[in-house]
Amino acid sequence: MHSLSDKQLFDSYKKGIELNLDKEFIDLLEKELKSRGLEVEIA
C-alpha cells in the first residue's frame, strides 16, 4: 500500500465510497489513511 501517494490513497478511498465498493476494501483504505496520520473526512 505504500506505493500509493497520500493523494492517490485518499482519492481511492473517496472513489471507493462513491462507487459503493466492498466494505472490507474501504476499511482497508481507511486503516491505511489513519496509519499515515491522515484525516478521514468525506464531505
N, C-alpha and C. Protein backbone atom coordinates (compact mmCIF):
# COMPACT_ATOMS: atom_id res chain seq x y z
N MET A 1 0.83 -1.20 0.00
CA MET A 1 0.00 0.00 0.00
C MET A 1 0.87 1.25 0.00
N HIS A 2 2.13 1.12 0.41
CA HIS A 2 3.00 2.29 0.48
C HIS A 2 3.43 2.80 -0.89
N SER A 3 3.09 2.08 -1.95
CA SER A 3 3.44 2.56 -3.28
C SER A 3 2.48 3.65 -3.75
N LEU A 4 1.37 3.84 -3.03
CA LEU A 4 0.43 4.92 -3.35
C LEU A 4 0.84 6.18 -2.60
N SER A 5 0.73 7.31 -3.28
CA SER A 5 0.95 8.58 -2.58
C SER A 5 -0.25 8.82 -1.66
N ASP A 6 -0.09 9.75 -0.74
CA ASP A 6 -1.21 10.08 0.15
C ASP A 6 -2.43 10.53 -0.66
N LYS A 7 -2.19 11.33 -1.70
CA LYS A 7 -3.30 11.82 -2.52
C LYS A 7 -3.99 10.67 -3.25
N GLN A 8 -3.21 9.77 -3.82
CA GLN A 8 -3.80 8.63 -4.52
C GLN A 8 -4.62 7.76 -3.57
N LEU A 9 -4.10 7.56 -2.37
CA LEU A 9 -4.81 6.76 -1.38
C LEU A 9 -6.12 7.43 -1.00
N PHE A 10 -6.08 8.73 -0.73
CA PHE A 10 -7.29 9.45 -0.35
C PHE A 10 -8.30 9.47 -1.50
N ASP A 11 -7.82 9.70 -2.72
CA ASP A 11 -8.72 9.69 -3.88
C ASP A 11 -9.36 8.32 -4.08
N SER A 12 -8.59 7.27 -3.87
CA SER A 12 -9.12 5.91 -3.98
C SER A 12 -10.18 5.65 -2.93
N TYR A 13 -9.93 6.13 -1.73
CA TYR A 13 -10.89 5.98 -0.63
C TYR A 13 -12.21 6.68 -0.98
N LYS A 14 -12.11 7.94 -1.42
CA LYS A 14 -13.32 8.70 -1.78
C LYS A 14 -14.07 8.03 -2.91
N LYS A 15 -13.35 7.59 -3.94
CA LYS A 15 -13.98 6.95 -5.10
C LYS A 15 -14.60 5.61 -4.71
N GLY A 16 -13.94 4.87 -3.85
CA GLY A 16 -14.48 3.60 -3.39
C GLY A 16 -15.81 3.77 -2.68
N ILE A 17 -15.91 4.80 -1.86
CA ILE A 17 -17.17 5.09 -1.18
C ILE A 17 -18.23 5.50 -2.21
N GLU A 18 -17.83 6.37 -3.13
CA GLU A 18 -18.75 6.85 -4.17
C GLU A 18 -19.31 5.69 -5.00
N LEU A 19 -18.47 4.70 -5.29
CA LEU A 19 -18.88 3.57 -6.12
C LEU A 19 -19.46 2.41 -5.29
N ASN A 20 -19.56 2.63 -3.98
CA ASN A 20 -20.12 1.62 -3.08
C ASN A 20 -19.38 0.29 -3.20
N LEU A 21 -18.05 0.36 -3.17
CA LEU A 21 -17.23 -0.85 -3.25
C LEU A 21 -17.32 -1.63 -1.94
N ASP A 22 -16.75 -2.81 -1.95
CA ASP A 22 -16.78 -3.72 -0.81
C ASP A 22 -16.33 -3.02 0.48
N LYS A 23 -17.10 -3.20 1.55
CA LYS A 23 -16.80 -2.54 2.81
C LYS A 23 -15.42 -2.91 3.35
N GLU A 24 -15.01 -4.15 3.18
CA GLU A 24 -13.69 -4.57 3.66
C GLU A 24 -12.57 -3.81 2.94
N PHE A 25 -12.76 -3.54 1.66
CA PHE A 25 -11.78 -2.78 0.88
C PHE A 25 -11.72 -1.34 1.39
N ILE A 26 -12.88 -0.74 1.60
CA ILE A 26 -12.94 0.64 2.12
C ILE A 26 -12.29 0.70 3.50
N ASP A 27 -12.58 -0.29 4.33
CA ASP A 27 -11.99 -0.33 5.67
C ASP A 27 -10.47 -0.43 5.61
N LEU A 28 -9.96 -1.21 4.66
CA LEU A 28 -8.51 -1.34 4.49
C LEU A 28 -7.89 0.01 4.10
N LEU A 29 -8.53 0.71 3.17
CA LEU A 29 -8.03 2.03 2.77
C LEU A 29 -8.08 3.01 3.95
N GLU A 30 -9.18 2.96 4.69
CA GLU A 30 -9.33 3.86 5.85
C GLU A 30 -8.26 3.57 6.90
N LYS A 31 -7.99 2.31 7.14
CA LYS A 31 -6.96 1.93 8.11
C LYS A 31 -5.59 2.47 7.68
N GLU A 32 -5.30 2.38 6.39
CA GLU A 32 -4.03 2.89 5.88
C GLU A 32 -3.96 4.41 5.99
N LEU A 33 -5.06 5.09 5.69
CA LEU A 33 -5.10 6.55 5.85
C LEU A 33 -4.78 6.93 7.29
N LYS A 34 -5.43 6.26 8.22
CA LYS A 34 -5.22 6.57 9.64
C LYS A 34 -3.80 6.25 10.07
N SER A 35 -3.22 5.17 9.55
CA SER A 35 -1.85 4.81 9.92
C SER A 35 -0.85 5.84 9.42
N ARG A 36 -1.21 6.55 8.37
CA ARG A 36 -0.35 7.62 7.85
C ARG A 36 -0.63 8.95 8.54
N GLY A 37 -1.59 8.95 9.46
CA GLY A 37 -1.92 10.17 10.18
C GLY A 37 -2.75 11.14 9.37
N LEU A 38 -3.45 10.62 8.36
CA LEU A 38 -4.27 11.47 7.50
C LEU A 38 -5.71 11.50 8.00
N GLU A 39 -6.35 12.63 7.82
CA GLU A 39 -7.73 12.83 8.24
C GLU A 39 -8.66 12.08 7.30
N VAL A 40 -9.58 11.32 7.88
CA VAL A 40 -10.58 10.60 7.09
C VAL A 40 -11.88 11.36 7.22
N GLU A 41 -12.17 12.18 6.20
CA GLU A 41 -13.38 13.00 6.25
C GLU A 41 -13.94 13.11 4.85
N ILE A 42 -15.20 12.72 4.72
CA ILE A 42 -15.89 12.83 3.44
C ILE A 42 -17.01 13.84 3.60
N ALA A 43 -16.97 14.88 2.78
CA ALA A 43 -17.99 15.94 2.86
C ALA A 43 -19.20 15.59 2.03
